[in-house]
Amino acid sequence: MDIEKVLDEYEQQGYLRKRTIHEEFKSAVHKYPDKTAITDAEGSVTYRQLDAWSDRLADFFLENGLRMGDSVLLQLPNINLYVAVLLALLKAGIVPALLLPTHRTQEIVSVAKTILPKAYIGCREFLGVEYAGMVQESEETKNLTIQTVFTDKPLEGGGNYPCRILP
């Protein structure tokens, strides 16, 4: 099977478009600006709000040392913030490695040694697990290429890396 031929057929039939995820998202924003895009326990966010939020986050990441082409570790649970951060990274051209909430220090170190991330993005705590603390306080994560930890809430005490609070 020639994969290029199959993809071309899908495109000709209108099932596939050669557009990025954030380009597709922009289409949804224009088509459904005030419709609910995402919902979690904290509330709902419209497409327009999610677009503006992810734009602010993209600017924030670029203003805080990340650049197009940089890789980052993204470890957030299934909350609205996850979607906003993921869209922001894609808009800024930053490459996220998507970690699962169940990943712990060993998996974080293994992935980090492979992709050499410039940052770790995670929440301070969710369901009793201190995500950012795993990176900030572990001896195993001390010598990684991470330059900044981005988190949703301030961390107590110092740590292995400078910490920035997500807007």
Foldseek 3Di string as FASTA:
>chain_A
DDVVVVQVVCVVVPNDDPDDPLVVLVVCCVVFVADWDDADPVGTDGSVRLVVLLCLQLVVCVVVDDAAPAEEEEEEAPDSVSSSPVSNCVVRNYHYDYDYNPDALVVVLVVQVVRQGQEYEYECDDPHDGVVCRCFADPSNLPTNHAEYEYQDDDPDGGSHHYDHGD
